[in-house]
Protein backbone atom coordinates (compact mmCIF):
# COMPACT_ATOMS: atom_id res chain seq x y z
CA UNK A 1 1.43 29.08 11.41
CA UNK A 2 2.45 27.99 7.92
CA UNK A 3 4.86 25.38 6.55
CA UNK A 4 7.84 27.11 4.93
CA UNK A 5 9.55 24.27 3.11
CA UNK A 6 10.71 20.67 3.11
CA UNK A 7 14.34 19.84 2.31
CA UNK A 8 15.19 16.62 0.47
CA UNK A 9 18.64 15.03 0.53
CA UNK A 10 20.15 14.42 -2.93
CA UNK A 11 23.39 12.79 -4.06
CA UNK A 12 23.73 14.59 -7.40
CA UNK A 13 22.60 18.23 -7.43
CA UNK A 14 22.72 18.61 -11.20
CA UNK A 15 20.53 15.55 -11.86
CA UNK A 16 18.15 16.52 -9.07
CA UNK A 17 17.69 20.12 -10.17
CA UNK A 18 17.12 19.02 -13.77
CA UNK A 19 14.49 16.53 -12.57
CA UNK A 20 12.53 19.10 -10.55
CA UNK A 21 12.75 21.68 -13.33
CA UNK A 22 11.30 19.04 -15.68
CA UNK A 23 8.42 18.55 -13.23
CA UNK A 24 7.66 22.26 -13.67
CA UNK A 25 9.00 23.94 -10.55
CA UNK A 26 10.79 27.32 -10.58
CA UNK A 27 14.30 27.34 -9.16
CA UNK A 28 14.93 30.32 -6.86
CA UNK A 29 18.27 29.34 -5.24
CA UNK A 30 21.14 27.64 -7.07
CA UNK A 31 24.38 26.69 -5.30
CA UNK A 32 26.58 23.59 -5.66
CA UNK A 33 25.26 22.19 -2.35
CA UNK A 34 21.74 23.66 -2.04
CA UNK A 35 18.84 24.43 -4.37
CA UNK A 36 15.41 25.79 -3.64
CA UNK A 37 12.27 25.71 -5.76
CA UNK A 38 8.87 27.32 -5.57
CA UNK A 39 5.68 25.67 -6.69
CA UNK A 40 3.93 27.18 -9.71
CA UNK A 41 0.72 27.67 -7.70
CA UNK A 42 0.40 28.99 -4.17
CA UNK A 43 3.34 30.00 -2.03
CA UNK A 44 4.94 26.67 -1.16
CA UNK A 45 8.59 25.88 -1.67
CA UNK A 46 10.97 23.00 -1.15
CA UNK A 47 14.72 22.61 -1.25
CA UNK A 48 17.45 20.11 -2.05
CA UNK A 49 20.56 19.59 0.04
CA UNK A 50 23.59 17.78 -1.34
CA UNK A 51 24.55 14.76 0.77
CA UNK A 52 27.43 12.32 0.29
CA UNK A 53 25.35 9.19 0.87
CA UNK A 54 21.89 8.15 -0.23
CA UNK A 55 19.46 8.68 2.62
CA UNK A 56 16.36 6.52 2.79
CA UNK A 57 14.46 8.47 5.40
CA UNK A 58 10.98 7.19 4.59
CA UNK A 59 9.53 10.66 4.01
CA UNK A 60 7.25 11.18 1.02
CA UNK A 61 6.71 14.56 -0.62
CA UNK A 62 3.33 15.30 -2.22
CA UNK A 63 2.64 17.73 -5.06
CA UNK A 64 -0.98 18.49 -5.92
CA UNK A 65 -2.30 19.18 -9.41
CA UNK A 66 -5.95 19.43 -10.42
CA UNK A 67 -5.32 17.93 -13.88
CA UNK A 68 -3.24 15.04 -12.54
CA UNK A 69 -3.74 12.54 -15.37
CA UNK A 70 -2.73 14.99 -18.10
CA UNK A 71 0.24 16.21 -16.02
CA UNK A 72 1.48 12.63 -15.68
CA UNK A 73 1.09 12.05 -19.44
CA UNK A 74 3.04 15.24 -20.14
CA UNK A 75 5.82 14.20 -17.75
CA UNK A 76 6.01 10.73 -19.30
CA UNK A 77 6.51 12.36 -22.72
CA UNK A 78 9.44 14.23 -21.15
CA UNK A 79 10.99 10.94 -19.99
CA UNK A 80 9.86 10.86 -16.36
CA UNK A 81 9.35 7.27 -15.16
CA UNK A 82 6.52 6.40 -12.77
CA UNK A 83 6.28 3.55 -10.26
CA UNK A 84 2.48 3.87 -10.24
CA UNK A 85 0.23 5.53 -12.77
CA UNK A 86 -2.62 7.68 -11.45
CA UNK A 87 -5.15 5.62 -9.56
CA UNK A 88 -7.97 6.27 -7.10
CA UNK A 89 -6.99 5.44 -3.53
CA UNK A 90 -9.26 4.29 -0.68
CA UNK A 91 -8.60 7.57 1.16
CA UNK A 92 -10.29 9.47 -1.73
CA UNK A 93 -7.15 10.87 -3.38
CA UNK A 94 -6.00 10.12 -6.92
CA UNK A 95 -2.24 9.48 -6.91
CA UNK A 96 0.72 8.69 -9.13
CA UNK A 97 4.07 7.64 -7.62
CA UNK A 98 7.65 8.21 -8.77
CA UNK A 99 11.13 8.68 -7.35
CA UNK A 100 13.63 11.45 -7.97
CA UNK A 101 17.19 10.61 -9.12
CA UNK A 102 18.31 10.25 -5.47
CA UNK A 103 15.50 7.84 -4.60
CA UNK A 104 13.20 10.28 -2.77
CA UNK A 105 9.61 9.08 -3.07
CA UNK A 106 7.20 11.57 -4.64
CA UNK A 107 3.44 11.39 -5.00
CA UNK A 108 1.65 13.55 -7.50
CA UNK A 109 -2.00 13.73 -6.57
CA UNK A 110 -5.36 15.41 -6.70
CA UNK A 111 -7.64 15.29 -3.67
CA UNK A 112 -9.93 18.25 -4.14
CA UNK A 113 -12.08 18.95 -1.11
CA UNK A 114 -10.90 15.68 0.50
CA UNK A 115 -7.37 17.06 0.98
CA UNK A 116 -8.37 19.03 4.06
CA UNK A 117 -11.94 17.86 4.60
CA UNK A 118 -12.22 14.08 4.23
CA UNK A 119 -15.45 12.49 5.50
CA UNK A 120 -13.55 11.19 8.58
CA UNK A 121 -12.00 14.55 9.53
CA UNK A 122 -11.67 15.22 13.26
CA UNK A 123 -11.11 18.50 15.07
CA UNK A 124 -8.96 17.89 18.16
CA UNK A 125 -8.70 21.64 18.81
CA UNK A 126 -12.46 22.24 18.61
CA UNK A 127 -14.30 23.74 21.52
């Protein structure tokens, strides 16, 4: 099994697509009501769906980058505003936090080996 994509609601497709292009994603679908992007590394994708109202769903989307601090500096030079600069978290990830133009919360992070194998990892399917 593999995760195909996550779809975020947006209230302004033009602003949203410009924002995600600025972050460095490649747009692969472009319609007035739907856009889809692929990540520069790996095979992950995500999409945007135009909605009439702002939706505060509580979901957070995470994008991983090994050179997090330099990526954040580069994005700041391009005008991207952050809520939190990169910092080390207690769960062993380094994270920066921002919101897209529609208010969707985004975390840019680097976790290395701890992404899938933190010291407290459990295996509920183990035999």
